[in-house]
PDB file of all heavy atoms in Angstrom:
ATOM      1  N   ILE A   1    -139.230 -41.718  65.176  1.00  0.00           N
ATOM      2  CA  ILE A   1    -138.254 -40.709  65.568  1.00  0.00           C
ATOM      3  C   ILE A   1    -137.383 -40.554  64.397  1.00  0.00           C
ATOM      4  O   ILE A   1    -136.544 -41.423  64.084  1.00  0.00           O
ATOM      5  CB  ILE A   1    -137.524 -41.128  66.818  1.00  0.00           C
ATOM      6  CG1 ILE A   1    -138.473 -41.343  67.955  1.00  0.00           C
ATOM      7  CG2 ILE A   1    -136.459 -40.082  67.186  1.00  0.00           C
ATOM      8  CD1 ILE A   1    -137.774 -42.068  69.163  1.00  0.00           C
ATOM      9  N   LYS A   2    -137.466 -39.383  63.778  1.00  0.00           N
ATOM     10  CA  LYS A   2    -136.583 -39.114  62.562  1.00  0.00           C
ATOM     11  C   LYS A   2    -135.316 -38.558  63.025  1.00  0.00           C
ATOM     12  O   LYS A   2    -135.332 -37.691  63.935  1.00  0.00           O
ATOM     13  CB  LYS A   2    -137.404 -38.064  61.665  1.00  0.00           C
ATOM     14  CG  LYS A   2    -138.676 -38.563  61.200  1.00  0.00           C
ATOM     15  CD  LYS A   2    -139.584 -37.448  60.624  1.00  0.00           C
ATOM     16  CE  LYS A   2    -140.960 -37.880  60.453  1.00  0.00           C
ATOM     17  NZ  LYS A   2    -141.783 -37.958  61.686  1.00  0.00           N
ATOM     18  N   ARG A   3    -134.238 -39.162  62.560  1.00  0.00           N
ATOM     19  CA  ARG A   3    -132.919 -38.693  62.941  1.00  0.00           C
ATOM     20  C   ARG A   3    -131.969 -38.652  61.794  1.00  0.00           C
ATOM     21  O   ARG A   3    -132.209 -39.438  60.878  1.00  0.00           O
ATOM     22  CB  ARG A   3    -132.350 -39.514  64.137  1.00  0.00           C
ATOM     23  CG  ARG A   3    -132.263 -41.040  63.917  1.00  0.00           C
ATOM     24  CD  ARG A   3    -131.788 -41.795  65.115  1.00  0.00           C
ATOM     25  NE  ARG A   3    -131.203 -42.998  64.753  1.00  0.00           N
ATOM     26  CZ  ARG A   3    -130.010 -43.324  64.521  1.00  0.00           C
ATOM     27  NH1 ARG A   3    -129.113 -42.267  64.679  1.00  0.00           N
ATOM     28  NH2 ARG A   3    -129.519 -44.549  64.217  1.00  0.00           N
ATOM     29  N   VAL A   4    -130.890 -37.913  61.949  1.00  0.00           N
ATOM     30  CA  VAL A   4    -129.914 -37.834  60.811  1.00  0.00           C
ATOM     31  C   VAL A   4    -128.953 -39.036  60.899  1.00  0.00           C
ATOM     32  O   VAL A   4    -128.993 -39.862  61.878  1.00  0.00           O
ATOM     33  CB  VAL A   4    -129.195 -36.505  60.926  1.00  0.00           C
ATOM     34  CG1 VAL A   4    -130.164 -35.320  60.705  1.00  0.00           C
ATOM     35  CG2 VAL A   4    -128.526 -36.359  62.334  1.00  0.00           C
ATOM     36  N   GLY A   5    -128.127 -39.119  60.049  1.00  0.00           N
ATOM     37  CA  GLY A   5    -127.159 -40.286  59.958  1.00  0.00           C
ATOM     38  C   GLY A   5    -126.065 -40.308  61.002  1.00  0.00           C
ATOM     39  O   GLY A   5    -124.920 -40.325  60.617  1.00  0.00           O
ATOM     40  N   ILE A   6    -126.402 -40.333  62.266  1.00  0.00           N
ATOM     41  CA  ILE A   6    -125.437 -40.439  63.318  1.00  0.00           C
ATOM     42  C   ILE A   6    -125.397 -41.941  63.711  1.00  0.00           C
ATOM     43  O   ILE A   6    -126.381 -42.631  63.947  1.00  0.00           O
ATOM     44  CB  ILE A   6    -125.853 -39.569  64.520  1.00  0.00           C
ATOM     45  CG1 ILE A   6    -125.985 -38.103  64.131  1.00  0.00           C
ATOM     46  CG2 ILE A   6    -124.902 -39.778  65.666  1.00  0.00           C
ATOM     47  CD1 ILE A   6    -126.492 -37.213  65.246  1.00  0.00           C
ATOM     48  N   VAL A   7    -124.223 -42.467  63.828  1.00  0.00           N
ATOM     49  CA  VAL A   7    -124.039 -43.898  64.192  1.00  0.00           C
ATOM     50  C   VAL A   7    -124.663 -44.202  65.582  1.00  0.00           C
ATOM     51  O   VAL A   7    -125.375 -45.147  65.713  1.00  0.00           O
ATOM     52  CB  VAL A   7    -122.592 -44.283  64.096  1.00  0.00           C
ATOM     53  CG1 VAL A   7    -122.366 -45.739  64.611  1.00  0.00           C
ATOM     54  CG2 VAL A   7    -122.126 -44.145  62.634  1.00  0.00           C
ATOM     55  N   ASN A   8    -124.233 -43.406  66.567  1.00  0.00           N
ATOM     56  CA  ASN A   8    -124.721 -43.595  67.904  1.00  0.00           C
ATOM     57  C   ASN A   8    -125.962 -42.864  68.082  1.00  0.00           C
ATOM     58  O   ASN A   8    -126.080 -41.625  68.113  1.00  0.00           O
ATOM     59  CB  ASN A   8    -123.748 -43.179  68.913  1.00  0.00           C
ATOM     60  CG  ASN A   8    -124.173 -43.364  70.338  1.00  0.00           C
ATOM     61  OD1 ASN A   8    -125.295 -43.691  70.599  1.00  0.00           O
ATOM     62  ND2 ASN A   8    -123.156 -43.302  71.262  1.00  0.00           N
ATOM     63  N   ALA A   9    -127.142 -43.529  68.101  1.00  0.00           N
ATOM     64  CA  ALA A   9    -128.510 -42.882  68.213  1.00  0.00           C
ATOM     65  C   ALA A   9    -128.591 -41.972  69.380  1.00  0.00           C
ATOM     66  O   ALA A   9    -129.195 -40.995  69.341  1.00  0.00           O
ATOM     67  CB  ALA A   9    -129.528 -43.938  68.322  1.00  0.00           C
ATOM     68  N   MET A  10    -127.891 -42.276  70.517  1.00  0.00           N
ATOM     69  CA  MET A  10    -128.056 -41.465  71.707  1.00  0.00           C
ATOM     70  C   MET A  10    -127.263 -40.063  71.509  1.00  0.00           C
ATOM     71  O   MET A  10    -127.497 -39.228  72.308  1.00  0.00           O
ATOM     72  CB  MET A  10    -127.543 -42.135  72.887  1.00  0.00           C
ATOM     73  CG  MET A  10    -128.410 -43.281  73.301  1.00  0.00           C
ATOM     74  SD  MET A  10    -130.132 -42.876  73.563  1.00  0.00           S
ATOM     75  CE  MET A  10    -130.071 -42.072  75.085  1.00  0.00           C
ATOM     76  N   ASP A  11    -126.437 -39.978  70.464  1.00  0.00           N
ATOM     77  CA  ASP A  11    -125.817 -38.693  70.175  1.00  0.00           C
ATOM     78  C   ASP A  11    -126.774 -37.701  69.463  1.00  0.00           C
ATOM     79  O   ASP A  11    -126.509 -36.540  69.314  1.00  0.00           O
ATOM     80  CB  ASP A  11    -124.613 -38.929  69.246  1.00  0.00           C
ATOM     81  CG  ASP A  11    -123.396 -39.463  70.130  1.00  0.00           C
ATOM     82  OD1 ASP A  11    -123.402 -39.388  71.392  1.00  0.00           O
ATOM     83  OD2 ASP A  11    -122.527 -39.959  69.497  1.00  0.00           O
ATOM     84  N   ASP A  12    -127.866 -38.254  69.046  1.00  0.00           N
ATOM     85  CA  ASP A  12    -128.887 -37.493  68.359  1.00  0.00           C
ATOM     86  C   ASP A  12    -129.859 -36.910  69.339  1.00  0.00           C
ATOM     87  O   ASP A  12    -130.446 -37.649  70.129  1.00  0.00           O
ATOM     88  CB  ASP A  12    -129.742 -38.309  67.294  1.00  0.00           C
ATOM     89  CG  ASP A  12    -130.727 -37.485  66.542  1.00  0.00           C
ATOM     90  OD1 ASP A  12    -131.661 -36.913  67.206  1.00  0.00           O
ATOM     91  OD2 ASP A  12    -130.605 -37.433  65.366  1.00  0.00           O
ATOM     92  N   GLU A  13    -129.903 -35.565  69.495  1.00  0.00           N
ATOM     93  CA  GLU A  13    -130.683 -34.973  70.570  1.00  0.00           C
ATOM     94  C   GLU A  13    -132.159 -35.379  70.561  1.00  0.00           C
ATOM     95  O   GLU A  13    -132.774 -35.495  71.593  1.00  0.00           O
ATOM     96  CB  GLU A  13    -130.493 -33.379  70.440  1.00  0.00           C
ATOM     97  CG  GLU A  13    -129.155 -32.905  70.794  1.00  0.00           C
ATOM     98  CD  GLU A  13    -129.000 -31.392  70.603  1.00  0.00           C
ATOM     99  OE1 GLU A  13    -130.008 -30.648  70.406  1.00  0.00           O
ATOM    100  OE2 GLU A  13    -127.882 -30.886  70.696  1.00  0.00           O
ATOM    101  N   ASN A  14    -132.761 -35.365  69.433  1.00  0.00           N
ATOM    102  CA  ASN A  14    -134.123 -35.698  69.237  1.00  0.00           C
ATOM    103  C   ASN A  14    -134.404 -37.199  69.711  1.00  0.00           C
ATOM    104  O   ASN A  14    -135.366 -37.402  70.545  1.00  0.00           O
ATOM    105  CB  ASN A  14    -134.645 -35.563  67.915  1.00  0.00           C
ATOM    106  CG  ASN A  14    -134.695 -34.170  67.337  1.00  0.00           C
ATOM    107  OD1 ASN A  14    -134.901 -33.219  68.184  1.00  0.00           O
ATOM    108  ND2 ASN A  14    -134.433 -33.973  66.108  1.00  0.00           N
ATOM    109  N   PHE A  15    -133.600 -38.163  69.416  1.00  0.00           N
ATOM    110  CA  PHE A  15    -133.684 -39.459  69.823  1.00  0.00           C
ATOM    111  C   PHE A  15    -133.546 -39.696  71.280  1.00  0.00           C
ATOM    112  O   PHE A  15    -134.274 -40.244  72.025  1.00  0.00           O
ATOM    113  CB  PHE A  15    -132.755 -40.348  68.987  1.00  0.00           C
ATOM    114  CG  PHE A  15    -132.903 -41.879  69.297  1.00  0.00           C
ATOM    115  CD1 PHE A  15    -133.810 -42.584  68.634  1.00  0.00           C
ATOM    116  CD2 PHE A  15    -132.164 -42.417  70.274  1.00  0.00           C
ATOM    117  CE1 PHE A  15    -133.956 -43.902  68.892  1.00  0.00           C
ATOM    118  CE2 PHE A  15    -132.303 -43.773  70.585  1.00  0.00           C
ATOM    119  CZ  PHE A  15    -133.231 -44.579  69.845  1.00  0.00           C
ATOM    120  N   ALA A  16    -132.434 -39.032  71.743  1.00  0.00           N
ATOM    121  CA  ALA A  16    -132.154 -39.144  73.220  1.00  0.00           C
ATOM    122  C   ALA A  16    -133.318 -38.464  74.067  1.00  0.00           C
ATOM    123  O   ALA A  16    -133.682 -39.077  75.039  1.00  0.00           O
ATOM    124  CB  ALA A  16    -130.797 -38.390  73.539  1.00  0.00           C
ATOM    125  N   ALA A  17    -133.824 -37.387  73.569  1.00  0.00           N
ATOM    126  CA  ALA A  17    -135.007 -36.791  74.272  1.00  0.00           C
ATOM    127  C   ALA A  17    -136.204 -37.735  74.375  1.00  0.00           C
ATOM    128  O   ALA A  17    -136.946 -37.904  75.363  1.00  0.00           O
ATOM    129  CB  ALA A  17    -135.317 -35.447  73.728  1.00  0.00           C
ATOM    130  N   ALA A  18    -136.438 -38.373  73.106  1.00  0.00           N
ATOM    131  CA  ALA A  18    -137.605 -39.294  73.092  1.00  0.00           C
ATOM    132  C   ALA A  18    -137.442 -40.527  73.952  1.00  0.00           C
ATOM    133  O   ALA A  18    -138.413 -40.951  74.619  1.00  0.00           O
ATOM    134  CB  ALA A  18    -137.780 -39.752  71.592  1.00  0.00           C
ATOM    135  N   VAL A  19    -136.208 -40.995  74.014  1.00  0.00           N
ATOM    136  CA  VAL A  19    -135.938 -42.136  74.930  1.00  0.00           C
ATOM    137  C   VAL A  19    -136.141 -41.716  76.372  1.00  0.00           C
ATOM    138  O   VAL A  19    -136.741 -42.378  77.188  1.00  0.00           O
ATOM    139  CB  VAL A  19    -134.518 -42.749  74.659  1.00  0.00           C
ATOM    140  CG1 VAL A  19    -134.160 -43.772  75.724  1.00  0.00           C
ATOM    141  CG2 VAL A  19    -134.436 -43.376  73.262  1.00  0.00           C
ATOM    142  N   LYS A  20    -135.557 -40.652  76.749  1.00  0.00           N
ATOM    143  CA  LYS A  20    -135.657 -40.174  78.068  1.00  0.00           C
ATOM    144  C   LYS A  20    -137.092 -39.838  78.462  1.00  0.00           C
ATOM    145  O   LYS A  20    -137.564 -40.060  79.613  1.00  0.00           O
ATOM    146  CB  LYS A  20    -134.809 -38.924  78.338  1.00  0.00           C
ATOM    147  CG  LYS A  20    -133.345 -39.339  78.318  1.00  0.00           C
ATOM    148  CD  LYS A  20    -132.470 -38.032  78.362  1.00  0.00           C
ATOM    149  CE  LYS A  20    -130.962 -38.469  78.159  1.00  0.00           C
ATOM    150  NZ  LYS A  20    -130.037 -37.323  78.093  1.00  0.00           N
ATOM    151  N   ALA A  21    -137.919 -39.382  77.470  1.00  0.00           N
ATOM    152  CA  ALA A  21    -139.313 -39.017  77.828  1.00  0.00           C
ATOM    153  C   ALA A  21    -140.186 -40.299  78.072  1.00  0.00           C
ATOM    154  O   ALA A  21    -141.218 -40.135  78.694  1.00  0.00           O
ATOM    155  CB  ALA A  21    -139.879 -38.281  76.530  1.00  0.00           C
ATOM    156  N   THR A  22    -139.748 -41.364  77.849  1.00  0.00           N
ATOM    157  CA  THR A  22    -140.401 -42.649  78.064  1.00  0.00           C
ATOM    158  C   THR A  22    -140.436 -42.864  79.562  1.00  0.00           C
ATOM    159  O   THR A  22    -141.322 -43.593  80.060  1.00  0.00           O
ATOM    160  CB  THR A  22    -139.948 -43.843  77.315  1.00  0.00           C
ATOM    161  OG1 THR A  22    -138.598 -44.132  77.819  1.00  0.00           O
ATOM    162  CG2 THR A  22    -139.910 -43.725  75.856  1.00  0.00           C
ATOM    163  N   GLY A  23    -139.402 -42.420  80.295  1.00  0.00           N
ATOM    164  CA  GLY A  23    -139.270 -42.614  81.756  1.00  0.00           C
ATOM    165  C   GLY A  23    -138.826 -44.024  82.109  1.00  0.00           C
ATOM    166  O   GLY A  23    -138.760 -44.404  83.380  1.00  0.00           O
ATOM    167  N   ARG A  24    -138.421 -44.866  81.111  1.00  0.00           N
ATOM    168  CA  ARG A  24    -138.043 -46.166  81.395  1.00  0.00           C
ATOM    169  C   ARG A  24    -136.610 -46.216  81.797  1.00  0.00           C
ATOM    170  O   ARG A  24    -135.748 -45.393  81.340  1.00  0.00           O
ATOM    171  CB  ARG A  24    -138.165 -47.042  80.203  1.00  0.00           C
ATOM    172  CG  ARG A  24    -139.648 -47.180  79.813  1.00  0.00           C
ATOM    173  CD  ARG A  24    -139.776 -48.033  78.596  1.00  0.00           C
ATOM    174  NE  ARG A  24    -141.190 -48.181  78.111  1.00  0.00           N
ATOM    175  CZ  ARG A  24    -141.652 -49.370  78.020  1.00  0.00           C
ATOM    176  NH1 ARG A  24    -141.045 -50.486  78.152  1.00  0.00           N
ATOM    177  NH2 ARG A  24    -143.052 -49.451  77.680  1.00  0.00           N
ATOM    178  N   LYS A  25    -136.207 -47.109  82.603  1.00  0.00           N
ATOM    179  CA  LYS A  25    -134.831 -47.342  83.083  1.00  0.00           C
ATOM    180  C   LYS A  25    -134.076 -48.342  82.202  1.00  0.00           C
ATOM    181  O   LYS A  25    -132.939 -48.298  82.028  1.00  0.00           O
ATOM    182  CB  LYS A  25    -134.798 -47.797  84.502  1.00  0.00           C
ATOM    183  CG  LYS A  25    -135.188 -46.735  85.436  1.00  0.00           C
ATOM    184  CD  LYS A  25    -134.972 -47.158  86.947  1.00  0.00           C
ATOM    185  CE  LYS A  25    -135.403 -46.011  87.857  1.00  0.00           C
ATOM    186  NZ  LYS A  25    -135.202 -46.372  89.268  1.00  0.00           N
ATOM    187  N   LYS A  26    -134.883 -49.202  81.657  1.00  0.00           N
ATOM    188  CA  LYS A  26    -134.344 -50.231  80.711  1.00  0.00           C
ATOM    189  C   LYS A  26    -134.980 -50.064  79.350  1.00  0.00           C
ATOM    190  O   LYS A  26    -136.295 -49.890  79.302  1.00  0.00           O
ATOM    191  CB  LYS A  26    -134.668 -51.658  81.259  1.00  0.00           C
ATOM    192  CG  LYS A  26    -133.827 -51.970  82.515  1.00  0.00           C
ATOM    193  CD  LYS A  26    -134.053 -53.321  82.890  1.00  0.00           C
ATOM    194  CE  LYS A  26    -133.303 -53.674  84.232  1.00  0.00           C
ATOM    195  NZ  LYS A  26    -133.531 -55.082  84.656  1.00  0.00           N
ATOM    196  N   PHE A  27    -134.218 -50.133  78.253  1.00  0.00           N
ATOM    197  CA  PHE A  27    -134.806 -49.905  77.027  1.00  0.00           C
ATOM    198  C   PHE A  27    -134.024 -50.834  75.945  1.00  0.00           C
ATOM    199  O   PHE A  27    -132.835 -50.838  75.901  1.00  0.00           O
ATOM    200  CB  PHE A  27    -134.534 -48.390  76.673  1.00  0.00           C
ATOM    201  CG  PHE A  27    -135.456 -47.805  75.642  1.00  0.00           C
ATOM    202  CD1 PHE A  27    -136.619 -47.307  76.131  1.00  0.00           C
ATOM    203  CD2 PHE A  27    -135.168 -47.723  74.266  1.00  0.00           C
ATOM    204  CE1 PHE A  27    -137.599 -46.749  75.219  1.00  0.00           C
ATOM    205  CE2 PHE A  27    -136.050 -47.110  73.438  1.00  0.00           C
ATOM    206  CZ  PHE A  27    -137.319 -46.650  73.908  1.00  0.00           C
ATOM    207  N   ILE A  28    -134.810 -51.458  75.143  1.00  0.00           N
ATOM    208  CA  ILE A  28    -134.211 -52.337  74.149  1.00  0.00           C
ATOM    209  C   ILE A  28    -134.279 -51.610  72.786  1.00  0.00           C
ATOM    210  O   ILE A  28    -135.383 -51.227  72.366  1.00  0.00           O
ATOM    211  CB  ILE A  28    -134.916 -53.633  74.112  1.00  0.00           C
ATOM    212  CG1 ILE A  28    -134.836 -54.436  75.436  1.00  0.00           C
ATOM    213  CG2 ILE A  28    -134.418 -54.474  72.962  1.00  0.00           C
ATOM    214  CD1 ILE A  28    -135.615 -55.663  75.478  1.00  0.00           C
ATOM    215  N   ILE A  29    -133.155 -51.583  72.178  1.00  0.00           N
ATOM    216  CA  ILE A  29    -133.102 -50.863  70.824  1.00  0.00           C
ATOM    217  C   ILE A  29    -132.482 -51.868  69.849  1.00  0.00           C
ATOM    218  O   ILE A  29    -131.461 -52.519  70.151  1.00  0.00           O
ATOM    219  CB  ILE A  29    -132.224 -49.630  70.867  1.00  0.00           C
ATOM    220  CG1 ILE A  29    -132.792 -48.652  71.879  1.00  0.00           C
ATOM    221  CG2 ILE A  29    -132.127 -49.000  69.464  1.00  0.00           C
ATOM    222  CD1 ILE A  29    -131.900 -47.401  72.092  1.00  0.00           C
ATOM    223  N   ALA A  30    -133.197 -52.004  68.740  1.00  0.00           N
ATOM    224  CA  ALA A  30    -132.725 -52.865  67.676  1.00  0.00           C
ATOM    225  C   ALA A  30    -132.514 -52.082  66.417  1.00  0.00           C
ATOM    226  O   ALA A  30    -133.264 -50.998  66.232  1.00  0.00           O
ATOM    227  CB  ALA A  30    -133.657 -54.032  67.454  1.00  0.00           C
ATOM    228  N   GLY A  31    -131.730 -52.429  65.537  1.00  0.00           N
ATOM    229  CA  GLY A  31    -131.503 -51.780  64.323  1.00  0.00           C
ATOM    230  C   GLY A  31    -130.878 -52.477  63.148  1.00  0.00           C
ATOM    231  O   GLY A  31    -130.388 -53.655  63.414  1.00  0.00           O
ATOM    232  N   VAL A  32    -130.780 -51.973  62.124  1.00  0.00           N
ATOM    233  CA  VAL A  32    -130.138 -52.628  60.997  1.00  0.00           C
ATOM    234  C   VAL A  32    -129.092 -51.643  60.401  1.00  0.00           C
ATOM    235  O   VAL A  32    -129.340 -50.419  60.348  1.00  0.00           O
ATOM    236  CB  VAL A  32    -131.263 -52.833  59.776  1.00  0.00           C
ATOM    237  CG1 VAL A  32    -130.613 -53.291  58.621  1.00  0.00           C
ATOM    238  CG2 VAL A  32    -132.354 -53.717  60.345  1.00  0.00           C
ATOM    239  N   THR A  33    -127.974 -52.209  60.124  1.00  0.00           N
ATOM    240  CA  THR A  33    -126.924 -51.302  59.500  1.00  0.00           C
ATOM    241  C   THR A  33    -126.661 -51.908  58.088  1.00  0.00           C
ATOM    242  O   THR A  33    -126.774 -53.027  57.821  1.00  0.00           O
ATOM    243  CB  THR A  33    -125.647 -51.359  60.389  1.00  0.00           C
ATOM    244  OG1 THR A  33    -124.733 -50.501  59.738  1.00  0.00           O
ATOM    245  CG2 THR A  33    -125.088 -52.747  60.409  1.00  0.00           C
ATOM    246  N   THR A  34    -126.324 -50.959  57.276  1.00  0.00           N
ATOM    247  CA  THR A  34    -125.920 -51.317  55.889  1.00  0.00           C
ATOM    248  C   THR A  34    -124.546 -50.754  55.670  1.00  0.00           C
ATOM    249  O   THR A  34    -124.248 -49.635  55.969  1.00  0.00           O
ATOM    250  CB  THR A  34    -126.877 -50.696  54.801  1.00  0.00           C
ATOM    251  OG1 THR A  34    -126.946 -49.264  55.011  1.00  0.00           O
ATOM    252  CG2 THR A  34    -128.311 -51.245  55.073  1.00  0.00           C
ATOM    253  N   MET A  35    -123.744 -51.598  55.178  1.00  0.00           N
ATOM    254  CA  MET A  35    -122.362 -51.281  54.908  1.00  0.00           C
ATOM    255  C   MET A  35    -122.034 -51.803  53.529  1.00  0.00           C
ATOM    256  O   MET A  35    -122.301 -52.928  53.173  1.00  0.00           O
ATOM    257  CB  MET A  35    -121.459 -51.769  55.979  1.00  0.00           C
ATOM    258  CG  MET A  35    -119.983 -51.486  55.731  1.00  0.00           C
ATOM    259  SD  MET A  35    -118.979 -52.094  57.105  1.00  0.00           S
ATOM    260  CE  MET A  35    -118.755 -50.550  57.911  1.00  0.00           C
ATOM    261  N   CYS A  36    -121.328 -50.994  52.829  1.00  0.00           N
ATOM    262  CA  CYS A  36    -120.946 -51.447  51.416  1.00  0.00           C
ATOM    263  C   CYS A  36    -119.429 -51.436  51.380  1.00  0.00           C
ATOM    264  O   CYS A  36    -118.856 -50.410  51.697  1.00  0.00           O
ATOM    265  CB  CYS A  36    -121.497 -50.509  50.406  1.00  0.00           C
ATOM    266  SG  CYS A  36    -121.123 -50.954  48.763  1.00  0.00           S
TER     267      CYS A  36
END
């Protein structure tokens, strides 16, 4: 799921739609952040 640099992934319409399309009630999301 390609998304722009939004910190909260669920604020990205494409990501939120992909998550909702799974039909799951529970979803585990992991990520890496880089900060300088």
